Amino acid sequence: MIGTTNFAFVAAILHQLFASAVAYPEVVAAYVLGNATALVSHVPGGLGVLEFVVASLVAHGDVLGALIVFRIVYYIVPLALGSTLLVAAELARWRAS
């Protein structure tokens, strides 16, 4: 249930990045197939594989730009946030001891 919800929300983000030029079910199908292909390929993070599959299946507008922004939103932003919180927690722990 949690995995399905995650796929639905991630596909919703990708759908919004396509500026709603593509139907949501089409984006969901492309994203799920891209993830399945990335899992089979064993490429770390599915880098390139996910983009290739989604770009092949969704041929509307600036797909590559939307996929680059998707990677930034889905991977880089949480990494930056998590790193900042880790540093803050470690500093607070260091000051307490």
PDB file of N, CA and C in Angstrom:
ATOM      1  N   MET A   1       0.817  -1.182   0.000  1.00  0.00           N
ATOM      2  CA  MET A   1       0.000   0.000   0.000  1.00  0.00           C
ATOM      3  C   MET A   1       0.871   1.260   0.000  1.00  0.00           C
ATOM      4  N   ILE A   2       1.906   1.277   0.830  1.00  0.00           N
ATOM      5  CA  ILE A   2       2.779   2.439   0.907  1.00  0.00           C
ATOM      6  C   ILE A   2       3.543   2.624  -0.402  1.00  0.00           C
ATOM      7  N   GLY A   3       4.013   1.528  -0.981  1.00  0.00           N
ATOM      8  CA  GLY A   3       4.735   1.604  -2.247  1.00  0.00           C
ATOM      9  C   GLY A   3       3.867   2.132  -3.375  1.00  0.00           C
ATOM     10  N   THR A   4       2.630   1.696  -3.421  1.00  0.00           N
ATOM     11  CA  THR A   4       1.698   2.168  -4.440  1.00  0.00           C
ATOM     12  C   THR A   4       1.422   3.654  -4.278  1.00  0.00           C
ATOM     13  N   THR A   5       1.251   4.086  -3.038  1.00  0.00           N
ATOM     14  CA  THR A   5       1.026   5.507  -2.773  1.00  0.00           C
ATOM     15  C   THR A   5       2.247   6.329  -3.170  1.00  0.00           C
ATOM     16  N   ASN A   6       3.429   5.807  -2.874  1.00  0.00           N
ATOM     17  CA  ASN A   6       4.655   6.496  -3.258  1.00  0.00           C
ATOM     18  C   ASN A   6       4.736   6.654  -4.777  1.00  0.00           C
ATOM     19  N   PHE A   7       4.463   5.584  -5.518  1.00  0.00           N
ATOM     20  CA  PHE A   7       4.487   5.653  -6.974  1.00  0.00           C
ATOM     21  C   PHE A   7       3.469   6.674  -7.484  1.00  0.00           C
ATOM     22  N   ALA A   8       2.302   6.711  -6.877  1.00  0.00           N
ATOM     23  CA  ALA A   8       1.259   7.654  -7.301  1.00  0.00           C
ATOM     24  C   ALA A   8       1.697   9.096  -7.069  1.00  0.00           C
ATOM     25  N   PHE A   9       2.310   9.370  -5.919  1.00  0.00           N
ATOM     26  CA  PHE A   9       2.751  10.729  -5.623  1.00  0.00           C
ATOM     27  C   PHE A   9       3.937  11.147  -6.493  1.00  0.00           C
ATOM     28  N   VAL A  10       4.874  10.244  -6.696  1.00  0.00           N
ATOM     29  CA  VAL A  10       6.026  10.566  -7.540  1.00  0.00           C
ATOM     30  C   VAL A  10       5.575  10.805  -8.975  1.00  0.00           C
ATOM     31  N   ALA A  11       4.657   9.982  -9.455  1.00  0.00           N
ATOM     32  CA  ALA A  11       4.115  10.189 -10.800  1.00  0.00           C
ATOM     33  C   ALA A  11       3.347  11.503 -10.874  1.00  0.00           C
ATOM     34  N   ALA A  12       2.713  11.919  -9.785  1.00  0.00           N
ATOM     35  CA  ALA A  12       2.009  13.206  -9.768  1.00  0.00           C
ATOM     36  C   ALA A  12       2.996  14.365  -9.887  1.00  0.00           C
ATOM     37  N   ILE A  13       4.149  14.249  -9.237  1.00  0.00           N
ATOM     38  CA  ILE A  13       5.184  15.275  -9.371  1.00  0.00           C
ATOM     39  C   ILE A  13       5.664  15.341 -10.817  1.00  0.00           C
ATOM     40  N   LEU A  14       5.920  14.181 -11.389  1.00  0.00           N
ATOM     41  CA  LEU A  14       6.368  14.121 -12.782  1.00  0.00           C
ATOM     42  C   LEU A  14       5.297  14.662 -13.722  1.00  0.00           C
ATOM     43  N   HIS A  15       4.048  14.376 -13.436  1.00  0.00           N
ATOM     44  CA  HIS A  15       2.931  14.884 -14.243  1.00  0.00           C
ATOM     45  C   HIS A  15       2.894  16.406 -14.206  1.00  0.00           C
ATOM     46  N   GLN A  16       3.109  16.994 -13.047  1.00  0.00           N
ATOM     47  CA  GLN A  16       3.115  18.449 -12.941  1.00  0.00           C
ATOM     48  C   GLN A  16       4.306  19.063 -13.672  1.00  0.00           C
ATOM     49  N   LEU A  17       5.438  18.371 -13.669  1.00  0.00           N
ATOM     50  CA  LEU A  17       6.607  18.873 -14.386  1.00  0.00           C
ATOM     51  C   LEU A  17       6.415  18.845 -15.896  1.00  0.00           C
ATOM     52  N   PHE A  18       5.570  17.960 -16.370  1.00  0.00           N
ATOM     53  CA  PHE A  18       5.241  17.931 -17.794  1.00  0.00           C
ATOM     54  C   PHE A  18       4.223  19.011 -18.137  1.00  0.00           C
ATOM     55  N   ALA A  19       3.912  19.868 -17.200  1.00  0.00           N
ATOM     56  CA  ALA A  19       2.956  20.966 -17.367  1.00  0.00           C
ATOM     57  C   ALA A  19       1.584  20.438 -17.772  1.00  0.00           C
ATOM     58  N   SER A  20       1.250  19.281 -17.276  1.00  0.00           N
ATOM     59  CA  SER A  20      -0.050  18.638 -17.520  1.00  0.00           C
ATOM     60  C   SER A  20      -0.358  18.467 -19.003  1.00  0.00           C
ATOM     61  N   ALA A  21       0.676  18.427 -19.849  1.00  0.00           N
ATOM     62  CA  ALA A  21       0.482  18.196 -21.283  1.00  0.00           C
ATOM     63  C   ALA A  21       0.220  16.718 -21.564  1.00  0.00           C
ATOM     64  N   VAL A  22       0.474  15.888 -20.577  1.00  0.00           N
ATOM     65  CA  VAL A  22       0.320  14.439 -20.716  1.00  0.00           C
ATOM     66  C   VAL A  22      -0.689  13.975 -19.680  1.00  0.00           C
ATOM     67  N   ALA A  23      -1.514  13.026 -20.040  1.00  0.00           N
ATOM     68  CA  ALA A  23      -2.508  12.493 -19.105  1.00  0.00           C
ATOM     69  C   ALA A  23      -1.810  11.774 -17.950  1.00  0.00           C
ATOM     70  N   TYR A  24      -2.370  11.912 -16.756  1.00  0.00           N
ATOM     71  CA  TYR A  24      -1.782  11.302 -15.564  1.00  0.00           C
ATOM     72  C   TYR A  24      -1.592   9.792 -15.693  1.00  0.00           C
ATOM     73  N   PRO A  25      -2.583   9.032 -16.199  1.00  0.00           N
ATOM     74  CA  PRO A  25      -2.364   7.586 -16.331  1.00  0.00           C
ATOM     75  C   PRO A  25      -1.198   7.239 -17.260  1.00  0.00           C
ATOM     76  N   GLU A  26      -0.970   8.059 -18.272  1.00  0.00           N
ATOM     77  CA  GLU A  26       0.159   7.819 -19.177  1.00  0.00           C
ATOM     78  C   GLU A  26       1.490   8.040 -18.458  1.00  0.00           C
ATOM     79  N   VAL A  27       1.529   9.063 -17.611  1.00  0.00           N
ATOM     80  CA  VAL A  27       2.736   9.345 -16.834  1.00  0.00           C
ATOM     81  C   VAL A  27       2.985   8.228 -15.823  1.00  0.00           C
ATOM     82  N   VAL A  28       1.935   7.764 -15.170  1.00  0.00           N
ATOM     83  CA  VAL A  28       2.074   6.666 -14.201  1.00  0.00           C
ATOM     84  C   VAL A  28       2.616   5.422 -14.892  1.00  0.00           C
ATOM     85  N   ALA A  29       2.046   5.080 -16.035  1.00  0.00           N
ATOM     86  CA  ALA A  29       2.503   3.890 -16.764  1.00  0.00           C
ATOM     87  C   ALA A  29       3.961   4.027 -17.183  1.00  0.00           C
ATOM     88  N   ALA A  30       4.334   5.191 -17.691  1.00  0.00           N
ATOM     89  CA  ALA A  30       5.718   5.399 -18.117  1.00  0.00           C
ATOM     90  C   ALA A  30       6.671   5.344 -16.929  1.00  0.00           C
ATOM     91  N   TYR A  31       6.286   5.929 -15.801  1.00  0.00           N
ATOM     92  CA  TYR A  31       7.142   5.936 -14.618  1.00  0.00           C
ATOM     93  C   TYR A  31       7.310   4.526 -14.046  1.00  0.00           C
ATOM     94  N   VAL A  32       6.229   3.778 -13.972  1.00  0.00           N
ATOM     95  CA  VAL A  32       6.310   2.411 -13.435  1.00  0.00           C
ATOM     96  C   VAL A  32       7.159   1.532 -14.351  1.00  0.00           C
ATOM     97  N   LEU A  33       6.956   1.636 -15.656  1.00  0.00           N
ATOM     98  CA  LEU A  33       7.781   0.860 -16.587  1.00  0.00           C
ATOM     99  C   LEU A  33       9.245   1.289 -16.523  1.00  0.00           C
ATOM    100  N   GLY A  34       9.478   2.582 -16.371  1.00  0.00           N
ATOM    101  CA  GLY A  34      10.855   3.065 -16.232  1.00  0.00           C
ATOM    102  C   GLY A  34      11.520   2.540 -14.982  1.00  0.00           C
ATOM    103  N   ASN A  35      10.795   2.508 -13.878  1.00  0.00           N
ATOM    104  CA  ASN A  35      11.348   1.959 -12.634  1.00  0.00           C
ATOM    105  C   ASN A  35      11.608   0.464 -12.742  1.00  0.00           C
ATOM    106  N   ALA A  36      10.691  -0.258 -13.356  1.00  0.00           N
ATOM    107  CA  ALA A  36      10.881  -1.702 -13.537  1.00  0.00           C
ATOM    108  C   ALA A  36      12.107  -1.969 -14.405  1.00  0.00           C
ATOM    109  N   THR A  37      12.270  -1.190 -15.454  1.00  0.00           N
ATOM    110  CA  THR A  37      13.431  -1.345 -16.328  1.00  0.00           C
ATOM    111  C   THR A  37      14.720  -1.000 -15.586  1.00  0.00           C
ATOM    112  N   ALA A  38      14.678   0.037 -14.769  1.00  0.00           N
ATOM    113  CA  ALA A  38      15.854   0.423 -13.991  1.00  0.00           C
ATOM    114  C   ALA A  38      16.229  -0.672 -13.000  1.00  0.00           C
ATOM    115  N   LEU A  39      15.244  -1.317 -12.397  1.00  0.00           N
ATOM    116  CA  LEU A  39      15.532  -2.424 -11.469  1.00  0.00           C
ATOM    117  C   LEU A  39      16.186  -3.598 -12.183  1.00  0.00           C
ATOM    118  N   VAL A  40      15.683  -3.911 -13.354  1.00  0.00           N
ATOM    119  CA  VAL A  40      16.222  -5.035 -14.119  1.00  0.00           C
ATOM    120  C   VAL A  40      17.642  -4.734 -14.603  1.00  0.00           C
ATOM    121  N   SER A  41      17.909  -3.484 -14.949  1.00  0.00           N
ATOM    122  CA  SER A  41      19.217  -3.123 -15.508  1.00  0.00           C
ATOM    123  C   SER A  41      20.326  -3.068 -14.463  1.00  0.00           C
ATOM    124  N   HIS A  42      19.982  -2.952 -13.190  1.00  0.00           N
ATOM    125  CA  HIS A  42      20.943  -2.859 -12.079  1.00  0.00           C
ATOM    126  C   HIS A  42      21.839  -1.631 -12.168  1.00  0.00           C
ATOM    127  N   VAL A  43      21.389  -0.590 -12.844  1.00  0.00           N
ATOM    128  CA  VAL A  43      22.133   0.668 -12.891  1.00  0.00           C
ATOM    129  C   VAL A  43      21.820   1.430 -11.603  1.00  0.00           C
ATOM    130  N   PRO A  44      22.832   1.909 -10.894  1.00  0.00           N
ATOM    131  CA  PRO A  44      22.583   2.620  -9.640  1.00  0.00           C
ATOM    132  C   PRO A  44      21.648   3.817  -9.815  1.00  0.00           C
ATOM    133  N   GLY A  45      20.555   3.805  -9.100  1.00  0.00           N
ATOM    134  CA  GLY A  45      19.575   4.880  -9.172  1.00  0.00           C
ATOM    135  C   GLY A  45      18.787   4.914 -10.468  1.00  0.00           C
ATOM    136  N   GLY A  46      19.018   3.927 -11.324  1.00  0.00           N
ATOM    137  CA  GLY A  46      18.323   3.916 -12.616  1.00  0.00           C
ATOM    138  C   GLY A  46      18.712   5.099 -13.478  1.00  0.00           C
ATOM    139  N   LEU A  47      19.888   5.676 -13.212  1.00  0.00           N
ATOM    140  CA  LEU A  47      20.331   6.891 -13.888  1.00  0.00           C
ATOM    141  C   LEU A  47      20.456   6.659 -15.394  1.00  0.00           C
ATOM    142  N   GLY A  48      19.665   7.354 -16.131  1.00  0.00           N
ATOM    143  CA  GLY A  48      19.665   7.235 -17.584  1.00  0.00           C
ATOM    144  C   GLY A  48      18.626   6.268 -18.095  1.00  0.00           C
ATOM    145  N   VAL A  49      18.437   5.176 -17.380  1.00  0.00           N
ATOM    146  CA  VAL A  49      17.470   4.162 -17.808  1.00  0.00           C
ATOM    147  C   VAL A  49      16.057   4.697 -17.643  1.00  0.00           C
ATOM    148  N   LEU A  50      15.753   5.242 -16.481  1.00  0.00           N
ATOM    149  CA  LEU A  50      14.433   5.806 -16.225  1.00  0.00           C
ATOM    150  C   LEU A  50      14.129   6.921 -17.218  1.00  0.00           C
ATOM    151  N   GLU A  51      15.101   7.778 -17.439  1.00  0.00           N
ATOM    152  CA  GLU A  51      14.906   8.897 -18.358  1.00  0.00           C
ATOM    153  C   GLU A  51      14.647   8.407 -19.781  1.00  0.00           C
ATOM    154  N   PHE A  52      15.410   7.400 -20.209  1.00  0.00           N
ATOM    155  CA  PHE A  52      15.242   6.873 -21.558  1.00  0.00           C
ATOM    156  C   PHE A  52      13.851   6.287 -21.760  1.00  0.00           C
ATOM    157  N   VAL A  53      13.410   5.488 -20.805  1.00  0.00           N
ATOM    158  CA  VAL A  53      12.098   4.837 -20.931  1.00  0.00           C
ATOM    159  C   VAL A  53      10.973   5.867 -20.910  1.00  0.00           C
ATOM    160  N   VAL A  54      11.037   6.794 -19.971  1.00  0.00           N
ATOM    161  CA  VAL A  54       9.975   7.807 -19.878  1.00  0.00           C
ATOM    162  C   VAL A  54       9.981   8.685 -21.124  1.00  0.00           C
ATOM    163  N   ALA A  55      11.163   9.099 -21.593  1.00  0.00           N
ATOM    164  CA  ALA A  55      11.241   9.941 -22.792  1.00  0.00           C
ATOM    165  C   ALA A  55      10.755   9.190 -24.023  1.00  0.00           C
ATOM    166  N   SER A  56      10.975   7.889 -24.058  1.00  0.00           N
ATOM    167  CA  SER A  56      10.506   7.093 -25.200  1.00  0.00           C
ATOM    168  C   SER A  56       8.990   6.939 -25.200  1.00  0.00           C
ATOM    169  N   LEU A  57       8.407   6.821 -24.009  1.00  0.00           N
ATOM    170  CA  LEU A  57       6.972   6.584 -23.917  1.00  0.00           C
ATOM    171  C   LEU A  57       6.147   7.864 -23.909  1.00  0.00           C
ATOM    172  N   VAL A  58       6.728   8.949 -23.421  1.00  0.00           N
ATOM    173  CA  VAL A  58       6.017  10.225 -23.349  1.00  0.00           C
ATOM    174  C   VAL A  58       6.695  11.184 -24.327  1.00  0.00           C
ATOM    175  N   ALA A  59       6.096  11.411 -25.441  1.00  0.00           N
ATOM    176  CA  ALA A  59       6.715  12.247 -26.474  1.00  0.00           C
ATOM    177  C   ALA A  59       5.983  13.574 -26.612  1.00  0.00           C
ATOM    178  N   HIS A  60       5.851  14.302 -25.511  1.00  0.00           N
ATOM    179  CA  HIS A  60       5.163  15.594 -25.522  1.00  0.00           C
ATOM    180  C   HIS A  60       6.057  16.664 -24.909  1.00  0.00           C
ATOM    181  N   GLY A  61       6.314  17.725 -25.618  1.00  0.00           N
ATOM    182  CA  GLY A  61       7.006  18.887 -25.064  1.00  0.00           C
ATOM    183  C   GLY A  61       8.438  18.610 -24.672  1.00  0.00           C
ATOM    184  N   ASP A  62       8.904  19.329 -23.674  1.00  0.00           N
ATOM    185  CA  ASP A  62      10.274  19.249 -23.204  1.00  0.00           C
ATOM    186  C   ASP A  62      10.395  18.166 -22.133  1.00  0.00           C
ATOM    187  N   VAL A  63      10.466  16.942 -22.573  1.00  0.00           N
ATOM    188  CA  VAL A  63      10.514  15.804 -21.658  1.00  0.00           C
ATOM    189  C   VAL A  63      11.841  15.771 -20.904  1.00  0.00           C
ATOM    190  N   LEU A  64      12.922  16.038 -21.594  1.00  0.00           N
ATOM    191  CA  LEU A  64      14.235  15.960 -20.959  1.00  0.00           C
ATOM    192  C   LEU A  64      14.387  16.987 -19.842  1.00  0.00           C
ATOM    193  N   GLY A  65      13.917  18.209 -20.068  1.00  0.00           N
ATOM    194  CA  GLY A  65      13.978  19.240 -19.028  1.00  0.00           C
ATOM    195  C   GLY A  65      13.169  18.857 -17.805  1.00  0.00           C
ATOM    196  N   ALA A  66      11.979  18.309 -18.043  1.00  0.00           N
ATOM    197  CA  ALA A  66      11.133  17.876 -16.932  1.00  0.00           C
ATOM    198  C   ALA A  66      11.790  16.740 -16.151  1.00  0.00           C
ATOM    199  N   LEU A  67      12.466  15.831 -16.846  1.00  0.00           N
ATOM    200  CA  LEU A  67      13.128  14.720 -16.166  1.00  0.00           C
ATOM    201  C   LEU A  67      14.341  15.183 -15.368  1.00  0.00           C
ATOM    202  N   ILE A  68      15.047  16.188 -15.868  1.00  0.00           N
ATOM    203  CA  ILE A  68      16.180  16.728 -15.106  1.00  0.00           C
ATOM    204  C   ILE A  68      15.685  17.408 -13.834  1.00  0.00           C
ATOM    205  N   VAL A  69      14.640  18.202 -13.945  1.00  0.00           N
ATOM    206  CA  VAL A  69      14.059  18.850 -12.758  1.00  0.00           C
ATOM    207  C   VAL A  69      13.518  17.790 -11.800  1.00  0.00           C
ATOM    208  N   PHE A  70      12.928  16.716 -12.335  1.00  0.00           N
ATOM    209  CA  PHE A  70      12.426  15.623 -11.508  1.00  0.00           C
ATOM    210  C   PHE A  70      13.557  15.013 -10.688  1.00  0.00           C
ATOM    211  N   ARG A  71      14.688  14.749 -11.324  1.00  0.00           N
ATOM    212  CA  ARG A  71      15.831  14.176 -10.602  1.00  0.00           C
ATOM    213  C   ARG A  71      16.302  15.114  -9.494  1.00  0.00           C
ATOM    214  N   ILE A  72      16.320  16.406  -9.781  1.00  0.00           N
ATOM    215  CA  ILE A  72      16.747  17.384  -8.772  1.00  0.00           C
ATOM    216  C   ILE A  72      15.772  17.397  -7.604  1.00  0.00           C
ATOM    217  N   VAL A  73      14.470  17.448  -7.901  1.00  0.00           N
ATOM    218  CA  VAL A  73      13.453  17.503  -6.850  1.00  0.00           C
ATOM    219  C   VAL A  73      13.419  16.202  -6.050  1.00  0.00           C
ATOM    220  N   TYR A  74      13.554  15.083  -6.711  1.00  0.00           N
ATOM    221  CA  TYR A  74      13.361  13.796  -6.049  1.00  0.00           C
ATOM    222  C   TYR A  74      14.621  13.278  -5.351  1.00  0.00           C
ATOM    223  N   TYR A  75      15.801  13.703  -5.810  1.00  0.00           N
ATOM    224  CA  TYR A  75      17.029  13.185  -5.213  1.00  0.00           C
ATOM    225  C   TYR A  75      17.891  14.261  -4.554  1.00  0.00           C
ATOM    226  N   ILE A  76      18.139  15.370  -5.227  1.00  0.00           N
ATOM    227  CA  ILE A  76      19.079  16.361  -4.721  1.00  0.00           C
ATOM    228  C   ILE A  76      18.493  17.165  -3.561  1.00  0.00           C
ATOM    229  N   VAL A  77      17.245  17.582  -3.659  1.00  0.00           N
ATOM    230  CA  VAL A  77      16.624  18.366  -2.578  1.00  0.00           C
ATOM    231  C   VAL A  77      16.567  17.564  -1.269  1.00  0.00           C
ATOM    232  N   PRO A  78      16.108  16.305  -1.274  1.00  0.00           N
ATOM    233  CA  PRO A  78      16.129  15.546  -0.012  1.00  0.00           C
ATOM    234  C   PRO A  78      17.548  15.308   0.510  1.00  0.00           C
ATOM    235  N   LEU A  79      18.516  15.140  -0.399  1.00  0.00           N
ATOM    236  CA  LEU A  79      19.901  14.966   0.036  1.00  0.00           C
ATOM    237  C   LEU A  79      20.405  16.220   0.742  1.00  0.00           C
ATOM    238  N   ALA A  80      20.139  17.379   0.167  1.00  0.00           N
ATOM    239  CA  ALA A  80      20.569  18.635   0.787  1.00  0.00           C
ATOM    240  C   ALA A  80      19.874  18.858   2.126  1.00  0.00           C
ATOM    241  N   LEU A  81      18.581  18.584   2.177  1.00  0.00           N
ATOM    242  CA  LEU A  81      17.836  18.743   3.426  1.00  0.00           C
ATOM    243  C   LEU A  81      18.335  17.784   4.497  1.00  0.00           C
ATOM    244  N   GLY A  82      18.523  16.539   4.135  1.00  0.00           N
ATOM    245  CA  GLY A  82      19.001  15.540   5.084  1.00  0.00           C
ATOM    246  C   GLY A  82      20.405  15.838   5.578  1.00  0.00           C
ATOM    247  N   SER A  83      21.266  16.291   4.679  1.00  0.00           N
ATOM    248  CA  SER A  83      22.634  16.641   5.074  1.00  0.00           C
ATOM    249  C   SER A  83      22.635  17.815   6.045  1.00  0.00           C
ATOM    250  N   THR A  84      21.823  18.809   5.768  1.00  0.00           N
ATOM    251  CA  THR A  84      21.730  19.967   6.655  1.00  0.00           C
ATOM    252  C   THR A  84      21.224  19.558   8.038  1.00  0.00           C
ATOM    253  N   LEU A  85      20.191  18.728   8.071  1.00  0.00           N
ATOM    254  CA  LEU A  85      19.661  18.274   9.359  1.00  0.00           C
ATOM    255  C   LEU A  85      20.654  17.399  10.105  1.00  0.00           C
ATOM    256  N   LEU A  86      21.420  16.578   9.401  1.00  0.00           N
ATOM    257  CA  LEU A  86      22.435  15.746  10.042  1.00  0.00           C
ATOM    258  C   LEU A  86      23.520  16.606  10.675  1.00  0.00           C
ATOM    259  N   VAL A  87      23.987  17.605   9.931  1.00  0.00           N
ATOM    260  CA  VAL A  87      25.013  18.504  10.472  1.00  0.00           C
ATOM    261  C   VAL A  87      24.475  19.249  11.692  1.00  0.00           C
ATOM    262  N   ALA A  88      23.240  19.735  11.614  1.00  0.00           N
ATOM    263  CA  ALA A  88      22.645  20.447  12.742  1.00  0.00           C
ATOM    264  C   ALA A  88      22.515  19.533  13.960  1.00  0.00           C
ATOM    265  N   ALA A  89      22.079  18.302  13.750  1.00  0.00           N
ATOM    266  CA  ALA A  89      21.951  17.371  14.870  1.00  0.00           C
ATOM    267  C   ALA A  89      23.304  17.020  15.485  1.00  0.00           C
ATOM    268  N   GLU A  90      24.310  16.841  14.649  1.00  0.00           N
ATOM    269  CA  GLU A  90      25.634  16.518  15.160  1.00  0.00           C
ATOM    270  C   GLU A  90      26.250  17.702  15.925  1.00  0.00           C
ATOM    271  N   LEU A  91      26.016  18.917  15.414  1.00  0.00           N
ATOM    272  CA  LEU A  91      26.491  20.096  16.137  1.00  0.00           C
ATOM    273  C   LEU A  91      25.810  20.238  17.485  1.00  0.00           C
ATOM    274  N   ALA A  92      24.495  19.994  17.510  1.00  0.00           N
ATOM    275  CA  ALA A  92      23.753  20.080  18.775  1.00  0.00           C
ATOM    276  C   ALA A  92      24.248  19.016  19.755  1.00  0.00           C
ATOM    277  N   ARG A  93      24.537  17.830  19.266  1.00  0.00           N
ATOM    278  CA  ARG A  93      25.040  16.758  20.118  1.00  0.00           C
ATOM    279  C   ARG A  93      26.441  17.068  20.615  1.00  0.00           C
ATOM    280  N   TRP A  94      27.254  17.658  19.730  1.00  0.00           N
ATOM    281  CA  TRP A  94      28.625  18.017  20.111  1.00  0.00           C
ATOM    282  C   TRP A  94      28.649  19.107  21.180  1.00  0.00           C
ATOM    283  N   ARG A  95      27.743  20.084  21.035  1.00  0.00           N
ATOM    284  CA  ARG A  95      27.669  21.171  22.019  1.00  0.00           C
ATOM    285  C   ARG A  95      27.140  20.677  23.366  1.00  0.00           C
ATOM    286  N   ALA A  96      26.266  19.679  23.339  1.00  0.00           N
ATOM    287  CA  ALA A  96      25.687  19.157  24.575  1.00  0.00           C
ATOM    288  C   ALA A  96      26.707  18.355  25.385  1.00  0.00           C
ATOM    289  N   SER A  97      27.697  17.786  24.736  1.00  0.00           N
ATOM    290  CA  SER A  97      28.663  16.964  25.478  1.00  0.00           C
ATOM    291  C   SER A  97      29.907  17.696  25.898  1.00  0.00           C
TER     292      SER A  97
END
